[in-house]
């Protein structure tokens, strides 16, 4: 159980929070009360549903700020699933004279936004010829009321001078776009992050306000534009547009075929065979570890993982020799290997080829890719399992485990093919 889990359970016990919610539909709590057990900023920041403390998750609860020092807990429908698709991203290029916007330097949300603007991504997505960066940072919400859906029906909340934060705003002739930028690929997001800023700026200007999520990882920008059909209703959001843009890596099919010929097979490591289907999320994790080592709890808390996913994805990084694992001050800690750090510092094209090389050192992935290229389509799970059984995998014995892990092979091979530019 993490520190937030323990602290929140103590608060729930002390103030009989579940009893109050059952009787009144909500529980109001102050920062001072929360601070009795832990710093409020650490106890109230849950950007994804999976980050919620156990007592919240178990009882389908969420927490929202209503002033600078007050919060409300209820069975709020506070999160929304991201609409990720496998649609081919549009290829873009970074202007050659901008040396500071090389992918290896895109280490923050702010720099990623600057890169997206410099590459014309924002103009293309928003359909504006000229965009000017305007408001950003922390500011007051002012006062407004809104409705939000709960397990027991719709509730009204009043917000008064709560703190909001805008990662970036770009204004054009026809609209103001408010951006929430992320570097972690996740399954959902906290609607408040775009709803509160939208409410604030919709009353201050006459142009339409467009809330946009931008998620950046490994040279790919994912943008989702939302609208609220009823600005007074938190849950009235709908997806208006979704589009992805990828920095051109100039990788041809012949490059992949050459790696198949020249990459030497290696003995399977004594690490659990991966059960982590998304190569994009593995690379995303290595990008975060490039900045600093992280404990298992850090990754689970800061990234959109539960503890089981943390184990799966860190093990996948260890399997590829990109991540190392140890114990520091009693905590399980992960950091990039020398190879992983070297790969993160390569040019974008060379990084992709280096990651593919690490995958193709393993027979099960290599043989599956060969079959895929020969047949012109992805082999079925049964064919992949037959390849796996010939590949001397570490501690994979039962048929059910073979079939579960086959989805990882299919996912990684699809990723390899996705970097090829036709």
Protein backbone atom coordinates (compact mmCIF):
# COMPACT_ATOMS: atom_id res chain seq x y z
CA UNK A 1 0.00 0.00 0.00
CA UNK A 2 1.44 3.39 -1.01
CA UNK A 3 1.76 6.51 1.15
CA UNK A 4 -1.34 8.11 -0.41
CA UNK A 5 -3.34 4.93 0.14
CA UNK A 6 -2.40 4.81 3.82
CA UNK A 7 -2.99 8.52 4.42
CA UNK A 8 -6.37 8.59 2.68
CA UNK A 9 -7.55 5.48 4.51
CA UNK A 10 -6.69 7.21 7.79
CA UNK A 11 -8.65 10.30 6.73
CA UNK A 12 -11.65 8.21 5.68
CA UNK A 13 -11.59 6.44 9.06
CA UNK A 14 -11.17 9.63 11.11
CA UNK A 15 -13.92 11.64 9.38
CA UNK A 16 -16.26 8.73 8.50
CA UNK A 17 -16.17 9.94 4.92
CA UNK A 18 -18.02 6.99 3.41
CA UNK A 19 -20.89 7.41 5.90
CA UNK A 20 -21.21 11.11 5.08
CA UNK A 21 -21.20 10.42 1.32
CA UNK A 22 -23.86 7.73 1.78
CA UNK A 23 -26.05 10.18 3.72
CA UNK A 24 -25.36 13.45 1.89
CA UNK A 25 -23.94 12.42 -1.49
CA UNK A 26 -20.59 14.17 -0.99
CA UNK A 27 -17.90 15.06 1.52
CA UNK A 28 -16.18 18.45 1.73
CA UNK A 29 -12.59 18.37 2.97
CA UNK A 30 -10.02 21.11 3.47
CA UNK A 31 -6.33 21.21 2.68
CA UNK A 32 -5.71 21.67 6.41
CA UNK A 33 -7.48 18.39 7.18
CA UNK A 34 -5.57 16.57 4.45
CA UNK A 35 -2.26 18.00 5.70
CA UNK A 36 -2.76 16.22 9.03
CA UNK A 37 -1.51 13.13 7.22
CA UNK A 38 0.36 14.25 4.08
CA UNK A 39 1.06 17.24 1.83
CA UNK A 40 -2.21 18.12 -0.02
CA UNK A 41 -0.51 18.59 -3.43
CA UNK A 42 0.62 14.94 -3.23
CA UNK A 43 -2.75 13.76 -1.94
CA UNK A 44 -5.05 15.36 -4.51
CA UNK A 45 -3.30 15.11 -7.90
CA UNK A 46 -4.84 12.14 -9.72
CA UNK A 47 -4.59 12.86 -13.44
CA UNK A 48 -5.74 9.34 -14.35
CA UNK A 49 -8.26 6.98 -12.81
CA UNK A 50 -5.54 4.40 -12.14
CA UNK A 51 -3.73 6.94 -9.87
CA UNK A 52 -6.62 7.08 -7.40
CA UNK A 53 -5.94 5.74 -3.86
CA UNK A 54 -7.35 2.31 -3.06
CA UNK A 55 -10.20 3.63 -0.93
CA UNK A 56 -11.30 5.89 -3.81
CA UNK A 57 -11.05 3.17 -6.46
CA UNK A 58 -12.83 0.62 -4.28
CA UNK A 59 -15.79 2.96 -3.71
CA UNK A 60 -15.90 4.59 -7.19
CA UNK A 61 -14.94 8.01 -5.81
CA UNK A 62 -13.09 11.02 -7.20
CA UNK A 63 -12.01 14.38 -5.78
CA UNK A 64 -12.34 17.87 -7.27
CA UNK A 65 -11.03 21.25 -6.02
CA UNK A 66 -13.61 24.01 -5.44
CA UNK A 67 -11.40 26.73 -3.88
CA UNK A 68 -7.65 27.12 -3.35
CA UNK A 69 -7.90 25.07 -0.16
CA UNK A 70 -11.12 23.06 -0.35
CA UNK A 71 -12.11 19.86 -2.14
CA UNK A 72 -15.22 17.74 -2.59
CA UNK A 73 -15.27 13.93 -2.70
CA UNK A 74 -18.13 12.02 -4.30
CA UNK A 75 -18.88 9.32 -6.85
CA UNK A 76 -18.06 11.84 -9.59
CA UNK A 77 -17.79 10.74 -13.22
CA UNK A 78 -14.58 12.75 -13.39
CA UNK A 79 -12.56 10.91 -16.07
CA UNK A 80 -12.85 10.29 -19.81
CA UNK A 81 -11.25 7.61 -21.97
CA UNK A 82 -8.77 8.74 -24.62
CA UNK A 83 -9.92 7.84 -28.17
CA UNK A 84 -6.63 6.30 -29.33
CA UNK A 85 -6.76 4.74 -32.79
CA UNK A 86 -4.33 2.88 -35.06
CA UNK A 87 -4.83 5.42 -37.83
CA UNK A 88 -1.61 6.22 -39.72
CA UNK A 89 -0.15 9.52 -38.47
CA UNK A 90 0.60 12.38 -40.82
CA UNK A 91 4.38 12.70 -41.39
CA UNK A 92 5.96 16.04 -40.56
CA UNK A 93 9.51 17.43 -40.50
CA UNK A 94 11.23 19.70 -38.00
CA UNK A 95 12.60 22.78 -39.80
CA UNK A 96 16.28 21.99 -40.44
CA UNK A 97 17.56 25.28 -38.99
CA UNK A 98 15.99 24.58 -35.55
CA UNK A 99 18.75 22.50 -33.94
CA UNK A 100 17.28 22.73 -30.42
CA UNK A 101 14.09 20.90 -31.47
CA UNK A 102 15.77 17.57 -32.22
CA UNK A 103 13.60 14.75 -30.76
CA UNK A 104 16.23 13.96 -28.12
CA UNK A 105 15.76 17.48 -26.71
CA UNK A 106 11.94 17.26 -26.48
CA UNK A 107 12.07 16.50 -22.77
CA UNK A 108 9.15 18.61 -21.51
CA UNK A 109 5.58 19.42 -22.39
CA UNK A 110 6.51 23.05 -23.08
CA UNK A 111 9.25 22.13 -25.56
CA UNK A 112 6.96 19.59 -27.26
CA UNK A 113 4.35 22.34 -27.71
CA UNK A 114 6.97 24.67 -29.17
CA UNK A 115 8.02 21.93 -31.57
CA UNK A 116 4.42 21.24 -32.62
CA UNK A 117 3.93 24.91 -33.35
CA UNK A 118 7.22 25.22 -35.27
CA UNK A 119 6.38 22.19 -37.42
CA UNK A 120 2.98 23.57 -38.41
CA UNK A 121 1.10 20.89 -36.49
CA UNK A 122 -1.00 23.33 -34.49
CA UNK A 123 -1.94 25.43 -37.52
CA UNK A 124 -2.91 22.32 -39.48
CA UNK A 125 -4.93 20.83 -36.63
CA UNK A 126 -6.74 24.05 -35.70
CA UNK A 127 -7.11 25.18 -39.33
CA UNK A 128 -5.64 28.60 -38.52
CA UNK A 129 -3.02 30.27 -40.73
CA UNK A 130 -1.47 32.29 -37.92
CA UNK A 131 -1.33 31.38 -34.23
CA UNK A 132 0.08 33.48 -31.42
CA UNK A 133 1.00 32.01 -28.02
CA UNK A 134 -0.86 33.98 -25.35
CA UNK A 135 -1.90 33.01 -21.79
CA UNK A 136 -0.26 30.19 -19.86
CA UNK A 137 0.69 29.10 -16.37
CA UNK A 138 -1.23 29.18 -13.12
CA UNK A 139 -4.15 31.53 -12.56
CA UNK A 140 -7.37 31.86 -10.61
CA UNK A 141 -10.58 30.26 -11.81
CA UNK A 142 -12.85 33.06 -10.68
CA UNK A 143 -16.33 31.90 -9.69
CA UNK A 144 -18.69 29.60 -11.57
CA UNK A 145 -21.12 26.73 -10.97
CA UNK A 146 -21.50 23.49 -12.87
CA UNK A 147 -23.29 20.17 -12.89
CA UNK A 148 -21.45 16.85 -12.76
CA UNK A 149 -22.75 13.30 -13.04
CA UNK A 150 -22.36 10.91 -10.09
CA UNK A 151 -23.43 7.37 -9.29
CA UNK A 152 -26.48 8.78 -7.55
CA UNK A 153 -27.46 11.39 -10.13
CA UNK A 154 -26.34 14.88 -11.12
CA UNK A 155 -24.87 17.26 -8.54
CA UNK A 156 -24.12 20.99 -8.65
CA UNK A 157 -20.75 22.30 -7.50
CA UNK A 158 -19.64 25.89 -7.01
CA UNK A 159 -16.05 26.88 -7.76
CA UNK A 160 -14.54 30.04 -6.29
CA UNK A 161 -10.95 31.08 -7.01
CA UNK A 162 -9.65 27.57 -7.40
CA UNK A 163 -6.24 27.35 -9.05
CA UNK A 164 -6.10 26.36 -12.69
CA UNK A 165 -3.09 25.77 -14.91
CA UNK A 166 -2.86 26.15 -18.68
CA UNK A 167 0.14 24.57 -20.39
CA UNK A 168 -0.25 26.81 -23.43
CA UNK A 169 -2.83 28.86 -25.29
CA UNK A 170 -2.66 29.76 -28.96
CA UNK A 171 -4.97 32.37 -30.40
CA UNK A 172 -5.81 32.70 -34.08
CA UNK A 173 -8.28 34.76 -36.08
CA UNK A 174 -11.17 32.41 -35.33
CA UNK A 175 -10.50 30.72 -31.98
CA UNK A 176 -8.51 30.42 -28.77
CA UNK A 177 -7.08 26.92 -28.25
CA UNK A 178 -6.25 25.92 -24.67
CA UNK A 179 -3.71 23.10 -24.51
CA UNK A 180 -3.20 20.45 -21.88
CA UNK A 181 0.06 18.70 -22.78
CA UNK A 182 1.26 15.31 -21.56
CA UNK A 183 4.31 13.13 -22.15
CA UNK A 184 2.79 9.94 -20.76
CA UNK A 185 0.60 7.77 -22.96
CA UNK A 186 -2.44 6.89 -20.91
CA UNK A 187 -5.90 5.40 -21.24
CA UNK A 188 -7.88 8.28 -19.75
CA UNK A 189 -7.68 11.85 -18.47
CA UNK A 190 -9.20 14.06 -15.80
CA UNK A 191 -11.84 16.20 -17.52
CA UNK A 192 -11.29 19.00 -14.99
CA UNK A 193 -7.94 19.79 -16.64
CA UNK A 194 -9.72 21.11 -19.72
CA UNK A 195 -13.14 21.98 -18.23
CA UNK A 196 -12.09 24.57 -15.62
CA UNK A 197 -9.88 26.57 -18.07
CA UNK A 198 -12.63 26.43 -20.71
CA UNK A 199 -15.15 27.88 -18.23
CA UNK A 200 -12.76 30.68 -17.25
CA UNK A 201 -11.86 31.85 -20.74
CA UNK A 202 -15.29 31.34 -22.31
CA UNK A 203 -16.54 34.25 -20.20
CA UNK A 204 -13.56 36.50 -20.93
CA UNK A 205 -13.46 36.49 -24.74
CA UNK A 206 -15.97 36.35 -27.60
CA UNK A 207 -14.10 33.83 -29.78
CA UNK A 208 -14.83 30.09 -29.49
CA UNK A 209 -12.58 28.37 -26.94
CA UNK A 210 -11.23 24.98 -28.05
CA UNK A 211 -9.83 22.67 -25.36
CA UNK A 212 -7.11 20.44 -26.84
CA UNK A 213 -5.08 17.59 -25.38
CA UNK A 214 -1.61 17.12 -26.86
CA UNK A 215 0.26 13.93 -25.96
CA UNK A 216 3.85 13.58 -27.18
CA UNK A 217 6.04 10.47 -27.15
CA UNK A 218 8.87 9.14 -29.32
CA UNK A 219 8.41 11.63 -32.11
CA UNK A 220 4.62 11.26 -32.34
CA UNK A 221 2.17 14.04 -31.46
CA UNK A 222 -1.40 12.95 -30.64
CA UNK A 223 -3.98 15.76 -30.58
CA UNK A 224 -7.59 15.54 -29.40
CA UNK A 225 -9.94 18.53 -29.58
CA UNK A 226 -13.03 18.55 -27.37
CA UNK A 227 -16.15 20.66 -27.02
CA UNK A 228 -18.74 20.90 -24.23
CA UNK A 229 -22.25 20.92 -25.66
CA UNK A 230 -23.51 22.47 -22.39
CA UNK A 231 -20.83 24.62 -20.81
CA UNK A 232 -22.54 24.27 -17.42
CA UNK A 233 -22.33 20.45 -17.57
CA UNK A 234 -18.93 18.86 -16.80
CA UNK A 235 -19.86 15.60 -18.56
CA UNK A 236 -21.18 17.11 -21.78
CA UNK A 237 -17.83 16.90 -23.55
CA UNK A 238 -17.58 15.31 -26.97
CA UNK A 239 -14.62 14.61 -29.20
CA UNK A 240 -14.54 17.04 -32.14
CA UNK A 241 -11.34 15.94 -33.84
CA UNK A 242 -8.46 13.51 -33.29
CA UNK A 243 -5.28 13.45 -35.35
CA UNK A 244 -1.69 12.22 -34.98
CA UNK A 245 1.51 13.58 -36.49
CA UNK A 246 4.86 11.76 -36.60
CA UNK A 247 8.29 13.20 -37.18
CA UNK A 248 9.54 11.64 -40.41
CA UNK A 249 12.17 8.99 -39.67
CA UNK A 250 12.81 8.13 -43.33
CA UNK A 251 12.81 4.40 -42.64
CA UNK A 252 12.08 2.16 -45.63
CA UNK A 253 11.06 -1.49 -45.69
CA UNK A 254 14.52 -2.28 -47.05
CA UNK A 255 15.99 -0.94 -43.77
CA UNK A 256 13.92 -3.46 -41.81
CA UNK A 257 14.83 -6.28 -44.19
CA UNK A 258 18.50 -5.35 -43.79
CA UNK A 259 18.20 -5.54 -39.98
CA UNK A 260 16.64 -9.01 -40.32
CA UNK A 261 19.72 -10.13 -42.24
CA UNK A 262 22.39 -8.47 -40.11
CA UNK A 263 21.09 -8.63 -36.53
CA UNK A 264 22.59 -11.53 -34.59
CA UNK A 265 20.30 -13.65 -32.44
CA UNK A 266 20.98 -13.64 -28.70
CA UNK A 267 20.18 -16.12 -25.97
CA UNK A 268 16.92 -15.38 -24.18
CA UNK A 269 17.55 -13.40 -20.96
CA UNK A 270 16.52 -14.62 -17.51
CA UNK A 271 13.72 -12.05 -17.45
CA UNK A 272 10.00 -12.75 -17.74
CA UNK A 273 8.97 -12.85 -21.38
CA UNK A 274 7.15 -9.55 -22.00
CA UNK A 275 3.46 -9.09 -21.38
CA UNK A 276 3.35 -5.48 -22.54
CA UNK A 277 1.63 -5.03 -25.88
CA UNK A 278 2.35 -1.35 -26.49
CA UNK A 279 5.89 -0.66 -27.69
CA UNK A 280 4.98 3.03 -27.73
CA UNK A 281 4.43 2.93 -23.96
CA UNK A 282 7.70 1.06 -23.38
CA UNK A 283 9.58 3.76 -25.29
CA UNK A 284 7.60 6.41 -23.43
CA UNK A 285 8.76 4.88 -20.14
CA UNK A 286 12.40 4.96 -21.28
CA UNK A 287 11.96 8.65 -22.15
CA UNK A 288 10.78 9.36 -18.60
CA UNK A 289 13.63 7.32 -17.09
CA UNK A 290 16.09 9.23 -19.26
CA UNK A 291 15.42 12.23 -17.02
CA UNK A 292 15.86 10.42 -13.68
CA UNK A 293 15.68 6.98 -12.02
CA UNK A 294 12.25 6.15 -10.63
CA UNK A 295 11.02 3.79 -7.95
CA UNK A 296 8.25 1.32 -8.67
CA UNK A 297 5.95 3.55 -6.62
CA UNK A 298 7.07 6.65 -8.58
CA UNK A 299 6.21 4.99 -11.89
CA UNK A 300 2.88 3.72 -10.61
CA UNK A 301 1.95 7.11 -9.11
CA UNK A 302 3.28 9.48 -11.78
CA UNK A 303 2.58 7.39 -14.85
CA UNK A 304 -0.80 6.02 -15.89
CA UNK A 305 -0.04 2.49 -14.65
CA UNK A 306 -1.31 0.30 -11.89
CA UNK A 307 1.36 -1.75 -10.05
CA UNK A 308 0.81 -4.81 -12.25
CA UNK A 309 1.35 -2.75 -15.42
CA UNK A 310 4.44 -1.16 -13.88
CA UNK A 311 5.92 -4.63 -13.43
CA UNK A 312 4.97 -5.70 -16.97
CA UNK A 313 6.40 -2.64 -18.70
CA UNK A 314 9.59 -2.34 -16.67
CA UNK A 315 10.21 -6.07 -17.26
CA UNK A 316 9.71 -5.47 -20.99
CA UNK A 317 12.36 -2.73 -20.87
CA UNK A 318 14.70 -5.07 -18.99
CA UNK A 319 14.05 -7.82 -21.56
CA UNK A 320 15.27 -5.44 -24.28
CA UNK A 321 18.29 -4.45 -22.15
CA UNK A 322 17.11 -0.83 -21.99
CA UNK A 323 16.17 -0.68 -18.28
CA UNK A 324 17.95 -1.91 -15.17
CA UNK A 325 16.46 -2.74 -11.80
CA UNK A 326 17.83 -2.54 -8.27
CA UNK A 327 17.02 -1.58 -4.70
CA UNK A 328 17.78 1.84 -3.25
CA UNK A 329 16.89 2.77 0.33
CA UNK A 330 14.60 -0.23 0.47
CA UNK A 331 12.67 0.74 -2.68
CA UNK A 332 12.65 -1.15 -5.98
CA UNK A 333 14.20 1.35 -8.41
CA UNK A 334 14.56 1.47 -12.20
CA UNK A 335 17.00 3.40 -14.39
CA UNK A 336 18.18 3.34 -17.97
CA UNK A 337 20.99 0.97 -18.87
CA UNK A 338 24.02 2.38 -20.66
CA UNK A 339 22.50 1.08 -23.89
CA UNK A 340 19.13 2.66 -23.11
CA UNK A 341 20.73 6.03 -22.38
CA UNK A 342 22.83 5.82 -25.55
CA UNK A 343 19.72 5.08 -27.63
CA UNK A 344 17.82 8.03 -26.21
CA UNK A 345 20.66 10.31 -27.37
CA UNK A 346 20.62 9.08 -30.98
CA UNK A 347 18.97 10.93 -33.84
CA UNK A 348 15.30 10.08 -34.25
CA UNK A 349 15.84 7.72 -37.21
CA UNK A 350 18.76 5.92 -35.58
CA UNK A 351 16.83 5.55 -32.32
CA UNK A 352 13.99 3.74 -34.09
CA UNK A 353 16.41 1.42 -35.89
CA UNK A 354 18.27 0.73 -32.64
CA UNK A 355 15.05 -0.23 -30.84
CA UNK A 356 14.05 -2.51 -33.73
CA UNK A 357 17.51 -4.12 -33.57
CA UNK A 358 17.00 -4.92 -29.87
CA UNK A 359 13.66 -6.56 -30.68
CA UNK A 360 15.05 -8.61 -33.57
CA UNK A 361 17.76 -10.12 -31.36
CA UNK A 362 14.96 -12.36 -30.03
CA UNK A 363 13.93 -15.30 -32.18
CA UNK A 364 10.16 -15.18 -31.51
CA UNK A 365 9.87 -11.57 -32.72
CA UNK A 366 12.29 -12.06 -35.59
CA UNK A 367 10.53 -15.16 -36.98
CA UNK A 368 7.09 -13.60 -36.61
CA UNK A 369 8.20 -10.54 -38.57
CA UNK A 370 9.66 -12.79 -41.29
CA UNK A 371 6.37 -14.67 -41.64
CA UNK A 372 4.48 -11.36 -41.74
CA UNK A 373 6.66 -10.00 -44.55
CA UNK A 374 6.50 -13.25 -46.51
CA UNK A 375 2.70 -13.59 -46.26
CA UNK A 376 1.85 -9.91 -46.48
CA UNK A 377 -0.24 -10.05 -43.30
CA UNK A 378 0.12 -10.63 -39.59
CA UNK A 379 0.12 -14.35 -38.68
CA UNK A 380 -2.64 -15.54 -36.36
CA UNK A 381 -2.07 -16.27 -32.68
CA UNK A 382 -1.72 -20.02 -33.25
CA UNK A 383 1.14 -19.48 -35.72
CA UNK A 384 2.84 -17.07 -33.33
CA UNK A 385 2.51 -19.57 -30.47
CA UNK A 386 4.14 -22.27 -32.61
CA UNK A 387 7.06 -19.89 -33.25
CA UNK A 388 7.28 -19.11 -29.52
CA UNK A 389 7.45 -22.80 -28.61
CA UNK A 390 10.52 -23.16 -30.84
CA UNK A 391 12.24 -20.12 -29.29
CA UNK A 392 13.32 -21.40 -25.85
CA UNK A 393 11.50 -18.68 -23.92
CA UNK A 394 12.27 -18.14 -20.24
CA UNK A 395 9.67 -19.70 -17.90
CA UNK A 396 6.84 -19.81 -20.42
CA UNK A 397 5.30 -23.26 -20.17
CA UNK A 398 1.50 -23.41 -20.24
CA UNK A 399 -0.52 -22.93 -23.44
CA UNK A 400 -2.55 -20.18 -21.80
CA UNK A 401 0.65 -18.22 -21.04
CA UNK A 402 1.91 -18.72 -24.59
CA UNK A 403 -1.35 -17.32 -25.99
CA UNK A 404 -1.37 -14.33 -23.60
CA UNK A 405 2.22 -13.42 -24.44
CA UNK A 406 1.66 -13.87 -28.19
CA UNK A 407 -0.27 -10.59 -28.18
CA UNK A 408 2.96 -8.82 -27.17
CA UNK A 409 4.79 -10.25 -30.18
CA UNK A 410 1.98 -9.17 -32.50
CA UNK A 411 1.91 -5.69 -30.91
CA UNK A 412 5.66 -5.16 -31.25
CA UNK A 413 5.79 -6.42 -34.84
CA UNK A 414 2.94 -4.06 -35.73
CA UNK A 415 4.94 -1.23 -34.20
CA UNK A 416 8.02 -2.14 -36.30
CA UNK A 417 5.91 -2.01 -39.46
CA UNK A 418 4.30 1.28 -38.38
CA UNK A 419 7.63 3.14 -38.51
CA UNK A 420 8.13 2.21 -42.16
CA UNK A 421 7.32 5.14 -44.44
CA UNK A 422 5.69 4.19 -47.70
